[in-house]
N, C-alpha and C. Protein backbone atom coordinates (compact mmCIF):
# COMPACT_ATOMS: atom_id res chain seq x y z
N MET A 1 17.73 7.21 -1.51
CA MET A 1 17.24 5.84 -1.59
C MET A 1 16.84 5.51 -3.02
N ASN A 2 17.24 4.32 -3.46
CA ASN A 2 16.89 3.88 -4.80
C ASN A 2 15.48 3.31 -4.79
N LEU A 3 14.60 3.89 -5.58
CA LEU A 3 13.19 3.52 -5.59
C LEU A 3 12.72 3.36 -7.03
N HIS A 4 12.09 2.22 -7.31
CA HIS A 4 11.45 2.00 -8.59
C HIS A 4 9.93 1.98 -8.38
N ILE A 5 9.20 2.57 -9.31
CA ILE A 5 7.74 2.56 -9.27
C ILE A 5 7.24 1.75 -10.45
N TYR A 6 6.43 0.74 -10.15
CA TYR A 6 5.81 -0.06 -11.20
C TYR A 6 4.30 0.17 -11.12
N THR A 7 3.68 0.42 -12.25
CA THR A 7 2.23 0.60 -12.30
C THR A 7 1.64 -0.42 -13.26
N GLY A 8 0.69 -1.22 -12.79
CA GLY A 8 0.13 -2.24 -13.66
C GLY A 8 -1.15 -2.83 -13.10
N GLY A 9 -1.65 -3.86 -13.78
CA GLY A 9 -2.89 -4.49 -13.39
C GLY A 9 -4.09 -3.80 -14.01
N ALA A 10 -5.27 -4.35 -13.71
CA ALA A 10 -6.50 -3.92 -14.36
C ALA A 10 -6.88 -2.48 -14.04
N VAL A 11 -6.47 -1.96 -12.88
CA VAL A 11 -6.86 -0.60 -12.50
C VAL A 11 -5.64 0.29 -12.22
N GLN A 12 -4.53 -0.04 -12.88
CA GLN A 12 -3.32 0.80 -12.81
C GLN A 12 -2.91 1.09 -11.37
N THR A 13 -2.50 0.03 -10.71
CA THR A 13 -2.10 0.11 -9.30
C THR A 13 -0.59 0.28 -9.19
N ASN A 14 -0.16 1.12 -8.26
CA ASN A 14 1.27 1.34 -8.04
C ASN A 14 1.85 0.27 -7.12
N GLY A 15 2.97 -0.28 -7.53
CA GLY A 15 3.80 -1.10 -6.66
C GLY A 15 5.16 -0.44 -6.55
N TYR A 16 5.77 -0.50 -5.39
CA TYR A 16 7.03 0.19 -5.16
C TYR A 16 8.12 -0.81 -4.80
N LEU A 17 9.31 -0.58 -5.35
CA LEU A 17 10.47 -1.43 -5.07
C LEU A 17 11.56 -0.57 -4.44
N LEU A 18 11.94 -0.93 -3.22
CA LEU A 18 12.94 -0.18 -2.46
C LEU A 18 14.21 -1.00 -2.34
N GLU A 19 15.35 -0.36 -2.63
CA GLU A 19 16.62 -1.05 -2.46
C GLU A 19 17.02 -1.04 -0.99
N THR A 20 17.47 -2.19 -0.49
CA THR A 20 17.87 -2.32 0.91
C THR A 20 19.25 -2.95 0.99
N ASP A 21 19.71 -3.18 2.20
CA ASP A 21 21.01 -3.83 2.40
C ASP A 21 21.03 -5.24 1.84
N LEU A 22 19.88 -5.87 1.75
CA LEU A 22 19.81 -7.27 1.34
C LEU A 22 19.25 -7.47 -0.06
N GLY A 23 18.95 -6.38 -0.76
CA GLY A 23 18.31 -6.51 -2.07
C GLY A 23 17.12 -5.57 -2.13
N TRP A 24 15.98 -6.07 -2.63
CA TRP A 24 14.83 -5.21 -2.87
C TRP A 24 13.62 -5.68 -2.08
N ILE A 25 12.85 -4.71 -1.60
CA ILE A 25 11.58 -4.97 -0.92
C ILE A 25 10.48 -4.35 -1.76
N ALA A 26 9.40 -5.10 -1.96
CA ALA A 26 8.24 -4.59 -2.69
C ALA A 26 7.18 -4.12 -1.71
N ILE A 27 6.54 -3.02 -2.05
CA ILE A 27 5.36 -2.57 -1.32
C ILE A 27 4.19 -2.66 -2.28
N ASP A 28 3.32 -3.61 -2.00
CA ASP A 28 2.18 -4.00 -2.83
C ASP A 28 2.63 -4.76 -4.08
N ALA A 29 1.69 -5.55 -4.61
CA ALA A 29 2.04 -6.50 -5.67
C ALA A 29 0.99 -6.53 -6.77
N PRO A 30 0.89 -5.43 -7.53
CA PRO A 30 -0.01 -5.46 -8.69
C PRO A 30 0.48 -6.46 -9.73
N SER A 31 -0.43 -6.90 -10.56
CA SER A 31 -0.09 -7.86 -11.60
C SER A 31 1.06 -7.34 -12.46
N GLY A 32 2.07 -8.18 -12.67
CA GLY A 32 3.20 -7.82 -13.51
C GLY A 32 4.43 -7.34 -12.78
N ILE A 33 4.34 -7.13 -11.46
CA ILE A 33 5.50 -6.57 -10.75
C ILE A 33 6.66 -7.56 -10.70
N SER A 34 6.37 -8.86 -10.65
CA SER A 34 7.45 -9.85 -10.64
C SER A 34 8.23 -9.81 -11.94
N GLU A 35 7.51 -9.74 -13.05
CA GLU A 35 8.17 -9.67 -14.35
C GLU A 35 8.97 -8.37 -14.50
N PHE A 36 8.41 -7.28 -13.98
CA PHE A 36 9.13 -6.00 -14.00
C PHE A 36 10.45 -6.13 -13.25
N ALA A 37 10.40 -6.75 -12.06
CA ALA A 37 11.62 -6.91 -11.27
C ALA A 37 12.63 -7.78 -12.00
N GLN A 38 12.17 -8.87 -12.60
CA GLN A 38 13.08 -9.75 -13.33
C GLN A 38 13.72 -9.03 -14.51
N ASN A 39 12.91 -8.27 -15.23
CA ASN A 39 13.44 -7.55 -16.40
C ASN A 39 14.49 -6.52 -16.02
N HIS A 40 14.40 -6.00 -14.80
CA HIS A 40 15.37 -5.01 -14.32
C HIS A 40 16.43 -5.63 -13.41
N GLN A 41 16.44 -6.97 -13.37
CA GLN A 41 17.42 -7.71 -12.57
C GLN A 41 17.38 -7.31 -11.09
N LEU A 42 16.16 -7.20 -10.57
CA LEU A 42 15.94 -6.88 -9.17
C LEU A 42 15.40 -8.12 -8.46
N THR A 43 16.05 -8.55 -7.41
CA THR A 43 15.58 -9.70 -6.65
C THR A 43 14.76 -9.21 -5.46
N ILE A 44 13.48 -9.57 -5.44
CA ILE A 44 12.60 -9.14 -4.36
C ILE A 44 12.71 -10.13 -3.20
N HIS A 45 13.10 -9.62 -2.03
CA HIS A 45 13.30 -10.47 -0.86
C HIS A 45 12.11 -10.47 0.09
N ALA A 46 11.25 -9.48 -0.02
CA ALA A 46 10.09 -9.42 0.88
C ALA A 46 9.03 -8.53 0.26
N LEU A 47 7.79 -8.74 0.70
CA LEU A 47 6.65 -7.96 0.22
C LEU A 47 5.90 -7.39 1.42
N LEU A 48 5.62 -6.09 1.38
CA LEU A 48 4.80 -5.44 2.39
C LEU A 48 3.49 -5.03 1.73
N LEU A 49 2.37 -5.38 2.33
CA LEU A 49 1.06 -5.08 1.76
C LEU A 49 0.38 -3.94 2.52
N THR A 50 -0.05 -2.92 1.78
CA THR A 50 -0.79 -1.84 2.42
C THR A 50 -2.21 -2.28 2.75
N HIS A 51 -2.77 -3.19 1.95
CA HIS A 51 -4.06 -3.82 2.23
C HIS A 51 -4.25 -4.92 1.18
N GLN A 52 -5.31 -5.70 1.33
CA GLN A 52 -5.44 -6.90 0.52
C GLN A 52 -6.45 -6.80 -0.63
N HIS A 53 -6.88 -5.64 -1.01
CA HIS A 53 -7.77 -5.55 -2.17
C HIS A 53 -7.08 -6.16 -3.38
N PHE A 54 -7.88 -6.76 -4.26
CA PHE A 54 -7.37 -7.61 -5.35
C PHE A 54 -6.25 -6.96 -6.15
N ASP A 55 -6.37 -5.67 -6.43
CA ASP A 55 -5.40 -5.03 -7.32
C ASP A 55 -4.03 -4.85 -6.67
N HIS A 56 -3.97 -4.96 -5.36
CA HIS A 56 -2.70 -4.82 -4.64
C HIS A 56 -2.03 -6.15 -4.33
N VAL A 57 -2.75 -7.24 -4.59
CA VAL A 57 -2.20 -8.56 -4.22
C VAL A 57 -2.23 -9.57 -5.37
N GLU A 58 -2.48 -9.11 -6.60
CA GLU A 58 -2.58 -10.05 -7.72
C GLU A 58 -1.32 -10.89 -7.89
N ALA A 59 -0.16 -10.31 -7.62
CA ALA A 59 1.10 -11.04 -7.79
C ALA A 59 1.70 -11.50 -6.47
N ALA A 60 0.95 -11.39 -5.37
CA ALA A 60 1.50 -11.74 -4.06
C ALA A 60 1.96 -13.20 -4.00
N HIS A 61 1.22 -14.08 -4.65
CA HIS A 61 1.57 -15.51 -4.60
C HIS A 61 2.92 -15.80 -5.26
N GLN A 62 3.42 -14.87 -6.07
CA GLN A 62 4.71 -15.06 -6.74
C GLN A 62 5.88 -14.62 -5.87
N LEU A 63 5.59 -13.98 -4.74
CA LEU A 63 6.64 -13.42 -3.89
C LEU A 63 6.69 -14.15 -2.56
N LYS A 64 7.75 -13.89 -1.80
CA LYS A 64 7.96 -14.58 -0.54
C LYS A 64 8.10 -13.57 0.60
N ASP A 65 8.09 -14.09 1.81
CA ASP A 65 8.24 -13.28 3.02
C ASP A 65 7.26 -12.11 3.00
N ILE A 66 5.98 -12.44 2.99
CA ILE A 66 4.91 -11.45 2.88
C ILE A 66 4.54 -10.92 4.26
N HIS A 67 4.51 -9.60 4.38
CA HIS A 67 4.11 -8.93 5.61
C HIS A 67 2.79 -8.21 5.35
N ALA A 68 1.80 -8.46 6.19
CA ALA A 68 0.48 -7.85 6.02
C ALA A 68 -0.18 -7.69 7.38
N TYR A 69 -1.20 -6.85 7.42
CA TYR A 69 -1.92 -6.60 8.67
C TYR A 69 -2.52 -7.89 9.22
N SER A 70 -3.03 -8.74 8.34
CA SER A 70 -3.73 -9.96 8.75
C SER A 70 -3.48 -11.07 7.73
N PRO A 71 -3.89 -12.30 8.02
CA PRO A 71 -3.67 -13.40 7.07
C PRO A 71 -4.43 -13.18 5.77
N CYS A 72 -4.06 -13.92 4.76
CA CYS A 72 -4.77 -13.90 3.48
C CYS A 72 -6.27 -14.09 3.72
N ASP A 73 -7.08 -13.18 3.20
CA ASP A 73 -8.50 -13.14 3.53
C ASP A 73 -9.30 -12.87 2.26
N ARG A 74 -10.04 -13.88 1.78
CA ARG A 74 -10.79 -13.71 0.54
C ARG A 74 -11.83 -12.58 0.64
N SER A 75 -12.35 -12.33 1.84
CA SER A 75 -13.36 -11.27 1.98
C SER A 75 -12.74 -9.89 1.79
N LEU A 76 -11.45 -9.75 2.04
CA LEU A 76 -10.76 -8.50 1.80
C LEU A 76 -10.32 -8.37 0.35
N ILE A 77 -9.93 -9.48 -0.26
CA ILE A 77 -9.40 -9.47 -1.62
C ILE A 77 -10.46 -9.07 -2.63
N MET A 78 -11.65 -9.62 -2.51
CA MET A 78 -12.79 -9.24 -3.34
C MET A 78 -12.55 -9.45 -4.83
N ASP A 79 -11.84 -10.50 -5.22
CA ASP A 79 -11.61 -10.71 -6.65
C ASP A 79 -12.89 -11.14 -7.37
N GLN A 80 -13.80 -11.80 -6.67
CA GLN A 80 -15.06 -12.16 -7.31
C GLN A 80 -15.87 -10.91 -7.65
N ARG A 81 -15.85 -9.94 -6.76
CA ARG A 81 -16.55 -8.67 -7.04
C ARG A 81 -15.93 -8.00 -8.26
N ALA A 82 -14.60 -8.07 -8.37
CA ALA A 82 -13.92 -7.48 -9.52
C ALA A 82 -14.35 -8.18 -10.81
N LYS A 83 -14.52 -9.49 -10.75
CA LYS A 83 -15.00 -10.21 -11.93
C LYS A 83 -16.41 -9.78 -12.30
N ASP A 84 -17.24 -9.52 -11.28
CA ASP A 84 -18.59 -9.04 -11.54
C ASP A 84 -18.58 -7.69 -12.24
N TRP A 85 -17.53 -6.91 -12.00
CA TRP A 85 -17.37 -5.62 -12.68
C TRP A 85 -16.83 -5.78 -14.10
N GLY A 86 -16.48 -7.01 -14.47
CA GLY A 86 -15.94 -7.25 -15.79
C GLY A 86 -14.43 -7.18 -15.87
N LEU A 87 -13.76 -7.15 -14.73
CA LEU A 87 -12.30 -7.09 -14.73
C LEU A 87 -11.71 -8.50 -14.78
N PRO A 88 -10.69 -8.74 -15.59
CA PRO A 88 -10.09 -10.07 -15.72
C PRO A 88 -9.12 -10.35 -14.58
N VAL A 89 -9.66 -10.61 -13.41
CA VAL A 89 -8.84 -10.73 -12.20
C VAL A 89 -8.97 -12.13 -11.62
N ALA A 90 -7.83 -12.71 -11.25
CA ALA A 90 -7.82 -13.97 -10.51
C ALA A 90 -6.67 -13.90 -9.52
N VAL A 91 -6.98 -14.00 -8.24
CA VAL A 91 -5.97 -13.85 -7.20
C VAL A 91 -5.78 -15.18 -6.47
N PRO A 92 -4.68 -15.89 -6.72
CA PRO A 92 -4.42 -17.12 -5.96
C PRO A 92 -4.16 -16.80 -4.48
N ASP A 93 -4.43 -17.79 -3.63
CA ASP A 93 -4.09 -17.63 -2.22
C ASP A 93 -2.59 -17.41 -2.05
N PHE A 94 -2.23 -16.74 -0.99
CA PHE A 94 -0.82 -16.51 -0.67
C PHE A 94 -0.64 -16.66 0.83
N ASP A 95 0.57 -16.90 1.24
CA ASP A 95 0.87 -17.10 2.66
C ASP A 95 1.48 -15.84 3.26
N VAL A 96 0.87 -15.32 4.30
CA VAL A 96 1.42 -14.18 5.02
C VAL A 96 2.41 -14.69 6.06
N SER A 97 3.67 -14.30 5.89
CA SER A 97 4.73 -14.78 6.79
C SER A 97 4.69 -14.08 8.13
N LYS A 98 4.37 -12.79 8.12
CA LYS A 98 4.36 -12.01 9.36
C LYS A 98 3.16 -11.10 9.39
N GLN A 99 2.33 -11.23 10.45
CA GLN A 99 1.19 -10.36 10.63
C GLN A 99 1.61 -9.10 11.40
N LEU A 100 1.13 -7.96 10.94
CA LEU A 100 1.56 -6.68 11.49
C LEU A 100 0.51 -6.01 12.37
N LYS A 101 -0.59 -6.71 12.60
CA LYS A 101 -1.75 -6.11 13.28
C LYS A 101 -1.40 -5.42 14.59
N ASP A 102 -0.57 -6.04 15.40
CA ASP A 102 -0.30 -5.49 16.74
C ASP A 102 1.04 -4.78 16.83
N LEU A 103 1.64 -4.44 15.68
CA LEU A 103 2.95 -3.81 15.68
C LEU A 103 2.85 -2.34 15.31
N SER A 104 3.72 -1.53 15.88
CA SER A 104 3.78 -0.11 15.55
C SER A 104 5.01 0.23 14.71
N SER A 105 5.92 -0.74 14.56
CA SER A 105 7.12 -0.50 13.76
C SER A 105 7.59 -1.82 13.17
N LEU A 106 8.41 -1.70 12.14
CA LEU A 106 8.95 -2.87 11.47
C LEU A 106 10.35 -2.54 10.97
N SER A 107 11.31 -3.35 11.38
CA SER A 107 12.67 -3.23 10.86
C SER A 107 12.95 -4.41 9.96
N ILE A 108 13.33 -4.12 8.72
CA ILE A 108 13.55 -5.18 7.75
C ILE A 108 14.63 -4.74 6.77
N ALA A 109 15.63 -5.57 6.64
CA ALA A 109 16.71 -5.35 5.66
C ALA A 109 17.33 -3.96 5.77
N GLY A 110 17.49 -3.48 6.99
CA GLY A 110 18.12 -2.19 7.20
C GLY A 110 17.19 -0.99 7.11
N LEU A 111 15.91 -1.23 6.81
CA LEU A 111 14.92 -0.15 6.77
C LEU A 111 14.06 -0.21 8.03
N HIS A 112 13.72 0.96 8.55
CA HIS A 112 12.96 1.04 9.79
C HIS A 112 11.67 1.81 9.53
N PHE A 113 10.57 1.07 9.43
CA PHE A 113 9.27 1.64 9.13
C PHE A 113 8.47 1.88 10.41
N GLU A 114 7.75 2.99 10.45
CA GLU A 114 6.66 3.14 11.39
C GLU A 114 5.40 2.63 10.70
N LEU A 115 4.61 1.85 11.42
CA LEU A 115 3.39 1.27 10.85
C LEU A 115 2.19 2.06 11.35
N LEU A 116 1.41 2.58 10.41
CA LEU A 116 0.24 3.38 10.76
C LEU A 116 -1.00 2.65 10.28
N HIS A 117 -1.82 2.19 11.24
CA HIS A 117 -3.07 1.53 10.88
C HIS A 117 -4.07 2.62 10.52
N VAL A 118 -4.52 2.61 9.26
CA VAL A 118 -5.37 3.69 8.75
C VAL A 118 -6.64 3.11 8.11
N PRO A 119 -7.51 2.50 8.90
CA PRO A 119 -8.75 1.94 8.33
C PRO A 119 -9.66 3.02 7.77
N GLY A 120 -10.57 2.58 6.94
CA GLY A 120 -11.52 3.50 6.31
C GLY A 120 -11.76 3.08 4.88
N HIS A 121 -10.67 2.93 4.12
CA HIS A 121 -10.79 2.36 2.77
C HIS A 121 -10.97 0.85 2.89
N SER A 122 -10.16 0.24 3.72
CA SER A 122 -10.26 -1.19 4.02
C SER A 122 -9.90 -1.38 5.49
N PRO A 123 -10.49 -2.35 6.18
CA PRO A 123 -10.21 -2.52 7.61
C PRO A 123 -8.74 -2.83 7.90
N ASP A 124 -8.03 -3.39 6.93
CA ASP A 124 -6.64 -3.81 7.15
C ASP A 124 -5.63 -2.81 6.61
N SER A 125 -6.07 -1.61 6.26
CA SER A 125 -5.16 -0.64 5.62
C SER A 125 -4.02 -0.22 6.55
N LEU A 126 -2.81 -0.30 6.01
CA LEU A 126 -1.61 0.15 6.69
C LEU A 126 -0.89 1.16 5.81
N ALA A 127 -0.29 2.16 6.43
CA ALA A 127 0.64 3.05 5.75
C ALA A 127 2.03 2.78 6.32
N PHE A 128 3.01 2.71 5.45
CA PHE A 128 4.39 2.43 5.85
C PHE A 128 5.19 3.72 5.75
N TYR A 129 5.72 4.17 6.90
CA TYR A 129 6.40 5.46 6.97
C TYR A 129 7.88 5.25 7.31
N LEU A 130 8.74 5.85 6.48
CA LEU A 130 10.19 5.85 6.74
C LEU A 130 10.57 7.23 7.24
N PRO A 131 10.67 7.43 8.57
CA PRO A 131 10.88 8.78 9.10
C PRO A 131 12.21 9.39 8.70
N GLU A 132 13.27 8.59 8.62
CA GLU A 132 14.57 9.14 8.26
C GLU A 132 14.57 9.67 6.83
N GLU A 133 13.90 8.98 5.95
CA GLU A 133 13.84 9.38 4.54
C GLU A 133 12.66 10.29 4.24
N LYS A 134 11.75 10.42 5.22
CA LYS A 134 10.52 11.20 5.05
C LYS A 134 9.72 10.73 3.83
N LEU A 135 9.50 9.42 3.79
CA LEU A 135 8.71 8.79 2.73
C LEU A 135 7.55 8.04 3.36
N LEU A 136 6.37 8.18 2.76
CA LEU A 136 5.17 7.50 3.24
C LEU A 136 4.54 6.72 2.08
N PHE A 137 4.32 5.44 2.29
CA PHE A 137 3.63 4.60 1.32
C PHE A 137 2.22 4.39 1.86
N ALA A 138 1.26 5.09 1.24
CA ALA A 138 -0.05 5.30 1.85
C ALA A 138 -1.11 4.34 1.36
N GLY A 139 -0.79 3.46 0.40
CA GLY A 139 -1.83 2.59 -0.13
C GLY A 139 -2.96 3.40 -0.73
N ASP A 140 -4.20 2.99 -0.49
CA ASP A 140 -5.35 3.69 -1.05
C ASP A 140 -6.04 4.59 -0.02
N THR A 141 -5.28 5.04 0.97
CA THR A 141 -5.85 5.92 1.98
C THR A 141 -5.87 7.37 1.50
N LEU A 142 -4.74 7.83 0.97
CA LEU A 142 -4.59 9.23 0.56
C LEU A 142 -3.94 9.28 -0.81
N PHE A 143 -4.53 10.08 -1.72
CA PHE A 143 -3.99 10.28 -3.05
C PHE A 143 -3.65 11.76 -3.26
N ALA A 144 -2.99 12.05 -4.37
CA ALA A 144 -2.79 13.44 -4.76
C ALA A 144 -4.15 14.02 -5.15
N GLY A 145 -4.68 14.86 -4.29
CA GLY A 145 -5.97 15.49 -4.56
C GLY A 145 -7.16 14.59 -4.34
N GLY A 146 -6.99 13.49 -3.64
CA GLY A 146 -8.11 12.57 -3.42
C GLY A 146 -7.90 11.70 -2.19
N VAL A 147 -8.89 10.86 -1.94
CA VAL A 147 -8.84 9.92 -0.83
C VAL A 147 -9.39 8.58 -1.32
N GLY A 148 -9.19 7.54 -0.55
CA GLY A 148 -9.68 6.23 -0.91
C GLY A 148 -11.20 6.15 -0.89
N ARG A 149 -11.74 5.29 -1.74
CA ARG A 149 -13.19 5.09 -1.75
C ARG A 149 -13.60 4.33 -0.50
N THR A 150 -14.83 4.55 -0.07
CA THR A 150 -15.30 3.91 1.17
C THR A 150 -16.61 3.16 0.95
N ASP A 151 -16.96 2.90 -0.31
CA ASP A 151 -18.22 2.23 -0.60
C ASP A 151 -18.07 0.73 -0.80
N LEU A 152 -16.88 0.18 -0.54
CA LEU A 152 -16.66 -1.26 -0.61
C LEU A 152 -16.87 -1.87 0.77
N PRO A 153 -17.10 -3.19 0.85
CA PRO A 153 -17.30 -3.83 2.16
C PRO A 153 -16.15 -3.51 3.12
N GLY A 154 -16.52 -3.11 4.33
CA GLY A 154 -15.52 -2.75 5.33
C GLY A 154 -15.08 -1.30 5.26
N GLY A 155 -15.56 -0.55 4.26
CA GLY A 155 -15.20 0.85 4.15
C GLY A 155 -16.04 1.71 5.07
N ASN A 156 -15.47 2.84 5.49
CA ASN A 156 -16.17 3.74 6.41
C ASN A 156 -15.60 5.14 6.22
N HIS A 157 -16.41 6.07 5.75
CA HIS A 157 -15.92 7.41 5.42
C HIS A 157 -15.40 8.16 6.64
N GLU A 158 -16.16 8.15 7.73
CA GLU A 158 -15.72 8.87 8.93
C GLU A 158 -14.42 8.29 9.46
N GLN A 159 -14.30 6.97 9.39
CA GLN A 159 -13.08 6.31 9.84
C GLN A 159 -11.89 6.73 8.97
N LEU A 160 -12.13 6.81 7.66
CA LEU A 160 -11.06 7.22 6.75
C LEU A 160 -10.61 8.64 7.06
N MET A 161 -11.55 9.56 7.26
CA MET A 161 -11.20 10.94 7.57
C MET A 161 -10.39 11.03 8.87
N THR A 162 -10.79 10.24 9.86
CA THR A 162 -10.06 10.23 11.12
C THR A 162 -8.66 9.69 10.92
N SER A 163 -8.52 8.63 10.14
CA SER A 163 -7.20 8.06 9.87
C SER A 163 -6.29 9.08 9.21
N ILE A 164 -6.82 9.79 8.23
CA ILE A 164 -6.00 10.77 7.51
C ILE A 164 -5.61 11.92 8.41
N ARG A 165 -6.59 12.47 9.11
CA ARG A 165 -6.32 13.65 9.94
C ARG A 165 -5.38 13.32 11.10
N GLN A 166 -5.64 12.20 11.78
CA GLN A 166 -4.88 11.91 13.00
C GLN A 166 -3.55 11.20 12.73
N LYS A 167 -3.52 10.33 11.74
CA LYS A 167 -2.31 9.53 11.51
C LYS A 167 -1.40 10.14 10.43
N LEU A 168 -1.99 10.57 9.32
CA LEU A 168 -1.16 11.02 8.20
C LEU A 168 -0.86 12.52 8.27
N PHE A 169 -1.87 13.32 8.57
CA PHE A 169 -1.64 14.76 8.60
C PHE A 169 -0.86 15.21 9.83
N SER A 170 -0.56 14.29 10.73
CA SER A 170 0.32 14.63 11.86
C SER A 170 1.79 14.51 11.48
N LEU A 171 2.07 13.97 10.29
CA LEU A 171 3.45 13.84 9.81
C LEU A 171 3.94 15.19 9.29
N PRO A 172 5.26 15.37 9.18
CA PRO A 172 5.79 16.65 8.67
C PRO A 172 5.30 16.97 7.26
N ASN A 173 5.14 18.25 6.98
CA ASN A 173 4.61 18.68 5.69
C ASN A 173 5.48 18.22 4.52
N GLU A 174 6.78 18.08 4.74
CA GLU A 174 7.68 17.75 3.64
C GLU A 174 7.71 16.27 3.29
N VAL A 175 6.99 15.44 4.04
CA VAL A 175 6.96 14.01 3.76
C VAL A 175 6.37 13.76 2.37
N THR A 176 7.08 12.98 1.55
CA THR A 176 6.58 12.59 0.24
C THR A 176 5.63 11.41 0.39
N VAL A 177 4.47 11.50 -0.22
CA VAL A 177 3.45 10.46 -0.14
C VAL A 177 3.42 9.69 -1.47
N TYR A 178 3.63 8.38 -1.38
CA TYR A 178 3.51 7.50 -2.54
C TYR A 178 2.22 6.70 -2.39
N PRO A 179 1.20 7.01 -3.20
CA PRO A 179 -0.11 6.37 -3.04
C PRO A 179 -0.25 5.10 -3.87
N GLY A 180 -1.35 4.41 -3.66
CA GLY A 180 -1.63 3.18 -4.38
C GLY A 180 -2.02 3.39 -5.83
N HIS A 181 -2.41 4.61 -6.18
CA HIS A 181 -2.77 4.96 -7.55
C HIS A 181 -2.38 6.41 -7.79
N GLY A 182 -1.93 6.71 -8.99
CA GLY A 182 -1.65 8.09 -9.35
C GLY A 182 -0.28 8.57 -8.89
N PRO A 183 -0.02 9.88 -9.09
CA PRO A 183 1.30 10.44 -8.80
C PRO A 183 1.55 10.66 -7.31
N SER A 184 2.81 10.89 -7.00
CA SER A 184 3.18 11.19 -5.62
C SER A 184 2.76 12.61 -5.26
N THR A 185 2.76 12.90 -3.97
CA THR A 185 2.40 14.22 -3.47
C THR A 185 3.16 14.44 -2.17
N THR A 186 2.79 15.43 -1.40
CA THR A 186 3.37 15.63 -0.08
C THR A 186 2.25 15.83 0.94
N ILE A 187 2.60 15.61 2.18
CA ILE A 187 1.62 15.84 3.25
C ILE A 187 1.19 17.31 3.26
N GLY A 188 2.14 18.22 3.12
CA GLY A 188 1.80 19.64 3.13
C GLY A 188 0.86 20.02 2.01
N GLU A 189 1.11 19.48 0.82
CA GLU A 189 0.25 19.78 -0.33
C GLU A 189 -1.18 19.30 -0.07
N GLU A 190 -1.32 18.11 0.49
CA GLU A 190 -2.67 17.57 0.71
C GLU A 190 -3.37 18.28 1.86
N LYS A 191 -2.64 18.65 2.89
CA LYS A 191 -3.26 19.41 3.98
C LYS A 191 -3.82 20.74 3.49
N GLN A 192 -3.12 21.34 2.54
CA GLN A 192 -3.53 22.66 2.07
C GLN A 192 -4.57 22.59 0.97
N HIS A 193 -4.50 21.56 0.10
CA HIS A 193 -5.30 21.63 -1.13
C HIS A 193 -6.24 20.44 -1.35
N ASN A 194 -6.14 19.37 -0.59
CA ASN A 194 -6.99 18.22 -0.85
C ASN A 194 -8.45 18.60 -0.56
N PRO A 195 -9.33 18.54 -1.57
CA PRO A 195 -10.70 19.01 -1.37
C PRO A 195 -11.56 18.07 -0.54
N TYR A 196 -11.09 16.85 -0.28
CA TYR A 196 -11.90 15.86 0.42
C TYR A 196 -11.62 15.83 1.93
N VAL A 197 -10.55 16.48 2.35
CA VAL A 197 -10.18 16.45 3.77
C VAL A 197 -10.01 17.87 4.26
N ARG A 198 -10.83 18.22 5.22
CA ARG A 198 -10.68 19.54 5.83
C ARG A 198 -10.03 19.38 7.19
N VAL A 199 -8.91 20.06 7.35
CA VAL A 199 -8.15 19.93 8.60
C VAL A 199 -8.85 20.69 9.72
C-alpha cells in the first residue's frame, strides 16, 4: 500500500495519506496537510478523524467528505485551551459528512477498515484498522513506548488502559501501529516493552 506520512502543526502531529482506488484518503488533518498533498499532486477525497483535538483537525475545514465519531464539537477541539498554552492555533468549524459512532466497520474507496472505539485520551477516540494490510492508525491512544495523555477534559486513565488492552492488544503482534505523534511501532513491541501498559 502506498502511504505518505505528513507531520506538522504546533505539536508535530502525524497525518497519514493512503492511496485508494479513487485517489487518496487522509487520516487526521494537522495544519499544512492540504499544502503537502498539493505539493505532491495528491488529491484527497476523504478525511477520517481519529479524534477532534485541535492538532488533529486544524486543516479539516479544507477537506471534504469528513468521517468522525461525532459531529464537529468545540468542547472536543479545545483550541481555546491551546491558545491559553500559548500555541498559535485557530480551528474553523468543519462539517462531518458521516458519523461513525454506531459503526464497527467502514468501507471506503476500496479500503475496508475495522473501527475500534478506544476512549480514554478523548471520548471520541477511534482507531482505524486495516486487517488485510495489518495496519492500525491509532491516533493518540497508543504510541511507540507511550500512551495518550488523560489529563484533558473527557480523559480517563482506566478507560484508556482498558481500550488498549481489550481493543488494541487483541490484534496480531505483527500489526504496524501508526500513532498520532512519533514513529511507528508494532502491537507486539508495545505489548512486550511499553512501560505504561501491563498486559
